[in-house]
PDB file of N, CA and C in Angstrom:
ATOM      1  N   MET A   1     -96.660  66.440  54.212  1.00  0.00           N
ATOM      2  CA  MET A   1     -97.871  67.231  54.203  1.00  0.00           C
ATOM      3  C   MET A   1     -98.117  67.859  52.825  1.00  0.00           C
ATOM      4  N   PHE A   2     -97.070  68.386  52.207  1.00  0.00           N
ATOM      5  CA  PHE A   2     -97.273  69.079  50.940  1.00  0.00           C
ATOM      6  C   PHE A   2     -97.416  68.146  49.751  1.00  0.00           C
ATOM      7  N   HIS A   3     -96.760  67.016  49.795  1.00  0.00           N
ATOM      8  CA  HIS A   3     -96.828  66.138  48.625  1.00  0.00           C
ATOM      9  C   HIS A   3     -97.900  65.065  48.756  1.00  0.00           C
ATOM     10  N   GLY A   4     -98.263  64.695  49.948  1.00  0.00           N
ATOM     11  CA  GLY A   4     -99.320  63.708  50.141  1.00  0.00           C
ATOM     12  C   GLY A   4     -98.824  62.281  50.062  1.00  0.00           C
ATOM     13  N   GLU A   5     -99.758  61.376  50.113  1.00  0.00           N
ATOM     14  CA  GLU A   5     -99.452  59.942  50.113  1.00  0.00           C
ATOM     15  C   GLU A   5     -99.472  59.386  48.693  1.00  0.00           C
ATOM     16  N   VAL A   6     -98.489  59.779  47.898  1.00  0.00           N
ATOM     17  CA  VAL A   6     -98.338  59.281  46.533  1.00  0.00           C
ATOM     18  C   VAL A   6     -96.897  58.843  46.332  1.00  0.00           C
ATOM     19  N   ASP A   7     -96.642  58.114  45.276  1.00  0.00           N
ATOM     20  CA  ASP A   7     -95.267  57.699  44.971  1.00  0.00           C
ATOM     21  C   ASP A   7     -94.414  58.922  44.649  1.00  0.00           C
ATOM     22  N   GLY A   8     -93.219  58.955  45.216  1.00  0.00           N
ATOM     23  CA  GLY A   8     -92.271  60.024  44.952  1.00  0.00           C
ATOM     24  C   GLY A   8     -92.734  61.365  45.484  1.00  0.00           C
ATOM     25  N   PRO A   9     -91.952  62.395  45.372  1.00  0.00           N
ATOM     26  CA  PRO A   9     -90.566  62.313  44.926  1.00  0.00           C
ATOM     27  C   PRO A   9     -89.708  61.628  45.982  1.00  0.00           C
ATOM     28  N   TYR A  10     -88.792  60.816  45.535  1.00  0.00           N
ATOM     29  CA  TYR A  10     -87.972  60.039  46.456  1.00  0.00           C
ATOM     30  C   TYR A  10     -86.727  60.819  46.866  1.00  0.00           C
ATOM     31  N   THR A  11     -86.218  60.486  48.055  1.00  0.00           N
ATOM     32  CA  THR A  11     -85.026  61.161  48.557  1.00  0.00           C
ATOM     33  C   THR A  11     -83.896  60.182  48.854  1.00  0.00           C
ATOM     34  N   TRP A  12     -84.114  58.900  48.657  1.00  0.00           N
ATOM     35  CA  TRP A  12     -83.070  57.896  48.876  1.00  0.00           C
ATOM     36  C   TRP A  12     -83.271  56.760  47.886  1.00  0.00           C
ATOM     37  N   TRP A  13     -82.149  56.246  47.356  1.00  0.00           N
ATOM     38  CA  TRP A  13     -82.164  55.135  46.415  1.00  0.00           C
ATOM     39  C   TRP A  13     -81.098  54.140  46.814  1.00  0.00           C
ATOM     40  N   SER A  14     -81.424  52.873  46.758  1.00  0.00           N
ATOM     41  CA  SER A  14     -80.451  51.825  47.030  1.00  0.00           C
ATOM     42  C   SER A  14     -79.347  51.879  45.982  1.00  0.00           C
ATOM     43  N   MET A  15     -78.166  51.432  46.365  1.00  0.00           N
ATOM     44  CA  MET A  15     -77.050  51.351  45.414  1.00  0.00           C
ATOM     45  C   MET A  15     -77.167  50.116  44.531  1.00  0.00           C
ATOM     46  N   ARG A  16     -78.142  49.276  44.790  1.00  0.00           N
ATOM     47  CA  ARG A  16     -78.311  48.027  44.038  1.00  0.00           C
ATOM     48  C   ARG A  16     -79.427  48.149  43.004  1.00  0.00           C
ATOM     49  N   GLY A  17     -79.308  47.361  41.969  1.00  0.00           N
ATOM     50  CA  GLY A  17     -80.388  47.172  41.005  1.00  0.00           C
ATOM     51  C   GLY A  17     -80.820  48.401  40.238  1.00  0.00           C
ATOM     52  N   GLN A  18     -79.954  49.347  40.006  1.00  0.00           N
ATOM     53  CA  GLN A  18     -80.266  50.557  39.246  1.00  0.00           C
ATOM     54  C   GLN A  18     -81.492  51.285  39.792  1.00  0.00           C
ATOM     55  N   ALA A  19     -81.608  51.326  41.112  1.00  0.00           N
ATOM     56  CA  ALA A  19     -82.760  51.966  41.746  1.00  0.00           C
ATOM     57  C   ALA A  19     -82.867  53.442  41.370  1.00  0.00           C
ATOM     58  N   PHE A  20     -81.733  54.137  41.306  1.00  0.00           N
ATOM     59  CA  PHE A  20     -81.764  55.559  40.946  1.00  0.00           C
ATOM     60  C   PHE A  20     -82.257  55.741  39.521  1.00  0.00           C
ATOM     61  N   ASP A  21     -81.704  54.970  38.600  1.00  0.00           N
ATOM     62  CA  ASP A  21     -82.093  55.088  37.186  1.00  0.00           C
ATOM     63  C   ASP A  21     -83.563  54.732  36.970  1.00  0.00           C
ATOM     64  N   ASN A  22     -84.073  53.793  37.750  1.00  0.00           N
ATOM     65  CA  ASN A  22     -85.480  53.383  37.635  1.00  0.00           C
ATOM     66  C   ASN A  22     -86.404  54.209  38.528  1.00  0.00           C
ATOM     67  N   ASP A  23     -85.848  55.163  39.271  1.00  0.00           N
ATOM     68  CA  ASP A  23     -86.567  55.998  40.240  1.00  0.00           C
ATOM     69  C   ASP A  23     -87.421  55.150  41.181  1.00  0.00           C
ATOM     70  N   SER A  24     -86.776  54.133  41.706  1.00  0.00           N
ATOM     71  CA  SER A  24     -87.402  53.242  42.681  1.00  0.00           C
ATOM     72  C   SER A  24     -86.737  53.493  44.026  1.00  0.00           C
ATOM     73  N   GLY A  25     -87.274  54.445  44.774  1.00  0.00           N
ATOM     74  CA  GLY A  25     -86.636  54.842  46.013  1.00  0.00           C
ATOM     75  C   GLY A  25     -87.595  54.919  47.175  1.00  0.00           C
ATOM     76  N   TRP A  26     -87.152  55.580  48.204  1.00  0.00           N
ATOM     77  CA  TRP A  26     -87.951  55.785  49.420  1.00  0.00           C
ATOM     78  C   TRP A  26     -87.982  57.272  49.727  1.00  0.00           C
ATOM     79  N   ARG A  27     -89.031  57.686  50.414  1.00  0.00           N
ATOM     80  CA  ARG A  27     -89.129  59.055  50.920  1.00  0.00           C
ATOM     81  C   ARG A  27     -88.753  59.009  52.402  1.00  0.00           C
ATOM     82  N   ILE A  28     -87.469  59.183  52.696  1.00  0.00           N
ATOM     83  CA  ILE A  28     -87.039  59.055  54.093  1.00  0.00           C
ATOM     84  C   ILE A  28     -86.353  60.308  54.623  1.00  0.00           C
ATOM     85  N   ASP A  29     -86.269  61.364  53.838  1.00  0.00           N
ATOM     86  CA  ASP A  29     -85.667  62.618  54.289  1.00  0.00           C
ATOM     87  C   ASP A  29     -86.770  63.665  54.371  1.00  0.00           C
ATOM     88  N   TYR A  30     -86.843  64.351  55.499  1.00  0.00           N
ATOM     89  CA  TYR A  30     -87.959  65.266  55.753  1.00  0.00           C
ATOM     90  C   TYR A  30     -87.491  66.563  56.381  1.00  0.00           C
ATOM     91  N   HIS A  31     -88.355  67.554  56.369  1.00  0.00           N
ATOM     92  CA  HIS A  31     -88.242  68.736  57.216  1.00  0.00           C
ATOM     93  C   HIS A  31     -89.345  68.595  58.245  1.00  0.00           C
ATOM     94  N   LEU A  32     -89.006  68.791  59.490  1.00  0.00           N
ATOM     95  CA  LEU A  32     -90.002  68.778  60.553  1.00  0.00           C
ATOM     96  C   LEU A  32     -90.208  70.209  61.012  1.00  0.00           C
ATOM     97  N   ALA A  33     -91.468  70.596  61.208  1.00  0.00           N
ATOM     98  CA  ALA A  33     -91.773  71.967  61.593  1.00  0.00           C
ATOM     99  C   ALA A  33     -92.962  71.988  62.538  1.00  0.00           C
ATOM    100  N   THR A  34     -92.994  73.012  63.344  1.00  0.00           N
ATOM    101  CA  THR A  34     -94.167  73.223  64.186  1.00  0.00           C
ATOM    102  C   THR A  34     -95.337  73.599  63.276  1.00  0.00           C
ATOM    103  N   PRO A  35     -96.568  73.477  63.738  1.00  0.00           N
ATOM    104  CA  PRO A  35     -97.709  73.894  62.908  1.00  0.00           C
ATOM    105  C   PRO A  35     -97.596  75.346  62.435  1.00  0.00           C
ATOM    106  N   ALA A  36     -97.132  76.232  63.304  1.00  0.00           N
ATOM    107  CA  ALA A  36     -97.006  77.642  62.916  1.00  0.00           C
ATOM    108  C   ALA A  36     -95.971  77.826  61.803  1.00  0.00           C
ATOM    109  N   LEU A  37     -94.844  77.128  61.895  1.00  0.00           N
ATOM    110  CA  LEU A  37     -93.833  77.228  60.837  1.00  0.00           C
ATOM    111  C   LEU A  37     -94.314  76.558  59.563  1.00  0.00           C
ATOM    112  N   ALA A  38     -94.994  75.445  59.666  1.00  0.00           N
ATOM    113  CA  ALA A  38     -95.501  74.741  58.479  1.00  0.00           C
ATOM    114  C   ALA A  38     -96.451  75.621  57.665  1.00  0.00           C
ATOM    115  N   GLU A  39     -97.182  76.488  58.325  1.00  0.00           N
ATOM    116  CA  GLU A  39     -98.075  77.406  57.612  1.00  0.00           C
ATOM    117  C   GLU A  39     -97.308  78.417  56.775  1.00  0.00           C
ATOM    118  N   ARG A  40     -96.035  78.577  57.047  1.00  0.00           N
ATOM    119  CA  ARG A  40     -95.219  79.563  56.342  1.00  0.00           C
ATOM    120  C   ARG A  40     -94.463  78.980  55.141  1.00  0.00           C
ATOM    121  N   VAL A  41     -94.660  77.704  54.851  1.00  0.00           N
ATOM    122  CA  VAL A  41     -93.987  77.094  53.701  1.00  0.00           C
ATOM    123  C   VAL A  41     -94.543  77.697  52.414  1.00  0.00           C
ATOM    124  N   THR A  42     -93.640  78.157  51.566  1.00  0.00           N
ATOM    125  CA  THR A  42     -94.059  78.725  50.281  1.00  0.00           C
ATOM    126  C   THR A  42     -93.712  77.814  49.109  1.00  0.00           C
ATOM    127  N   ALA A  43     -92.706  76.969  49.275  1.00  0.00           N
ATOM    128  CA  ALA A  43     -92.313  76.049  48.196  1.00  0.00           C
ATOM    129  C   ALA A  43     -91.373  74.996  48.771  1.00  0.00           C
ATOM    130  N   TYR A  44     -91.245  73.895  48.039  1.00  0.00           N
ATOM    131  CA  TYR A  44     -90.285  72.854  48.418  1.00  0.00           C
ATOM    132  C   TYR A  44     -89.892  72.096  47.165  1.00  0.00           C
ATOM    133  N   HIS A  45     -88.756  71.437  47.206  1.00  0.00           N
ATOM    134  CA  HIS A  45     -88.370  70.518  46.137  1.00  0.00           C
ATOM    135  C   HIS A  45     -87.315  69.551  46.662  1.00  0.00           C
ATOM    136  N   VAL A  46     -87.180  68.448  45.965  1.00  0.00           N
ATOM    137  CA  VAL A  46     -86.135  67.474  46.259  1.00  0.00           C
ATOM    138  C   VAL A  46     -85.017  67.732  45.248  1.00  0.00           C
ATOM    139  N   ALA A  47     -83.827  68.009  45.735  1.00  0.00           N
ATOM    140  CA  ALA A  47     -82.684  68.347  44.880  1.00  0.00           C
ATOM    141  C   ALA A  47     -82.029  67.059  44.366  1.00  0.00           C
ATOM    142  N   ARG A  48     -82.733  66.362  43.496  1.00  0.00           N
ATOM    143  CA  ARG A  48     -82.277  65.087  42.932  1.00  0.00           C
ATOM    144  C   ARG A  48     -81.295  65.353  41.808  1.00  0.00           C
ATOM    145  N   ALA A  49     -80.213  64.632  41.785  1.00  0.00           N
ATOM    146  CA  ALA A  49     -79.244  64.763  40.694  1.00  0.00           C
ATOM    147  C   ALA A  49     -79.899  64.372  39.372  1.00  0.00           C
ATOM    148  N   ALA A  50     -79.443  64.981  38.306  1.00  0.00           N
ATOM    149  CA  ALA A  50     -80.019  64.703  36.995  1.00  0.00           C
ATOM    150  C   ALA A  50     -79.690  63.298  36.490  1.00  0.00           C
ATOM    151  N   ALA A  51     -78.563  62.755  36.903  1.00  0.00           N
ATOM    152  CA  ALA A  51     -78.131  61.432  36.442  1.00  0.00           C
ATOM    153  C   ALA A  51     -77.351  60.730  37.549  1.00  0.00           C
ATOM    154  N   TYR A  52     -77.297  59.418  37.465  1.00  0.00           N
ATOM    155  CA  TYR A  52     -76.602  58.601  38.474  1.00  0.00           C
ATOM    156  C   TYR A  52     -75.159  59.042  38.683  1.00  0.00           C
ATOM    157  N   ASP A  53     -74.449  59.312  37.603  1.00  0.00           N
ATOM    158  CA  ASP A  53     -73.030  59.664  37.728  1.00  0.00           C
ATOM    159  C   ASP A  53     -72.811  61.100  38.217  1.00  0.00           C
ATOM    160  N   GLN A  54     -73.869  61.870  38.410  1.00  0.00           N
ATOM    161  CA  GLN A  54     -73.752  63.238  38.910  1.00  0.00           C
ATOM    162  C   GLN A  54     -74.137  63.364  40.385  1.00  0.00           C
ATOM    163  N   ARG A  55     -74.565  62.287  40.978  1.00  0.00           N
ATOM    164  CA  ARG A  55     -74.975  62.385  42.385  1.00  0.00           C
ATOM    165  C   ARG A  55     -73.785  62.201  43.303  1.00  0.00           C
ATOM    166  N   TRP A  56     -73.859  62.792  44.480  1.00  0.00           N
ATOM    167  CA  TRP A  56     -72.756  62.730  45.438  1.00  0.00           C
ATOM    168  C   TRP A  56     -73.121  61.895  46.656  1.00  0.00           C
ATOM    169  N   SER A  57     -74.357  61.385  46.707  1.00  0.00           N
ATOM    170  CA  SER A  57     -74.812  60.589  47.840  1.00  0.00           C
ATOM    171  C   SER A  57     -75.962  59.704  47.378  1.00  0.00           C
ATOM    172  N   ASP A  58     -76.349  58.744  48.231  1.00  0.00           N
ATOM    173  CA  ASP A  58     -77.540  57.960  47.919  1.00  0.00           C
ATOM    174  C   ASP A  58     -78.805  58.655  48.432  1.00  0.00           C
ATOM    175  N   HIS A  59     -78.641  59.854  49.009  1.00  0.00           N
ATOM    176  CA  HIS A  59     -79.757  60.687  49.452  1.00  0.00           C
ATOM    177  C   HIS A  59     -79.817  61.952  48.606  1.00  0.00           C
ATOM    178  N   ALA A  60     -80.993  62.559  48.534  1.00  0.00           N
ATOM    179  CA  ALA A  60     -81.150  63.872  47.913  1.00  0.00           C
ATOM    180  C   ALA A  60     -81.760  64.806  48.949  1.00  0.00           C
ATOM    181  N   PRO A  61     -81.239  66.023  49.075  1.00  0.00           N
ATOM    182  CA  PRO A  61     -81.766  66.931  50.081  1.00  0.00           C
ATOM    183  C   PRO A  61     -83.172  67.428  49.741  1.00  0.00           C
ATOM    184  N   VAL A  62     -83.942  67.641  50.795  1.00  0.00           N
ATOM    185  CA  VAL A  62     -85.252  68.273  50.675  1.00  0.00           C
ATOM    186  C   VAL A  62     -85.024  69.746  51.007  1.00  0.00           C
ATOM    187  N   VAL A  63     -85.379  70.620  50.069  1.00  0.00           N
ATOM    188  CA  VAL A  63     -85.182  72.060  50.245  1.00  0.00           C
ATOM    189  C   VAL A  63     -86.556  72.706  50.422  1.00  0.00           C
ATOM    190  N   VAL A  64     -86.713  73.481  51.498  1.00  0.00           N
ATOM    191  CA  VAL A  64     -87.989  74.116  51.804  1.00  0.00           C
ATOM    192  C   VAL A  64     -87.782  75.619  51.953  1.00  0.00           C
ATOM    193  N   ASP A  65     -88.671  76.393  51.319  1.00  0.00           N
ATOM    194  CA  ASP A  65     -88.665  77.854  51.454  1.00  0.00           C
ATOM    195  C   ASP A  65     -89.777  78.249  52.420  1.00  0.00           C
ATOM    196  N   TYR A  66     -89.449  79.136  53.333  1.00  0.00           N
ATOM    197  CA  TYR A  66     -90.407  79.630  54.319  1.00  0.00           C
ATOM    198  C   TYR A  66     -90.548  81.137  54.149  1.00  0.00           C
ATOM    199  N   SER A  67     -91.761  81.655  54.325  1.00  0.00           N
ATOM    200  CA  SER A  67     -91.969  83.103  54.301  1.00  0.00           C
ATOM    201  C   SER A  67     -91.657  83.689  55.674  1.00  0.00           C
ATOM    202  N   TYR A  68     -91.375  84.966  55.702  1.00  0.00           N
ATOM    203  CA  TYR A  68     -91.100  85.657  56.970  1.00  0.00           C
ATOM    204  C   TYR A  68     -92.374  86.076  57.637  1.00  0.00           C
TER     205      TYR A  68
END
């Protein structure tokens, strides 16, 4: 909802073909929320590792901030 139907930011990259380095991934990790909770989103980001050798998984977490 917040990023729309555009390329990236990606949350998963194949281990083949330097997908991470080429930023050729998929958006397959999400936060699901009720409409009332979704209205309370104040910010979000994908916690992507800065480099291939610094990542701990083939996924990157989606972090969402909600207001009270």
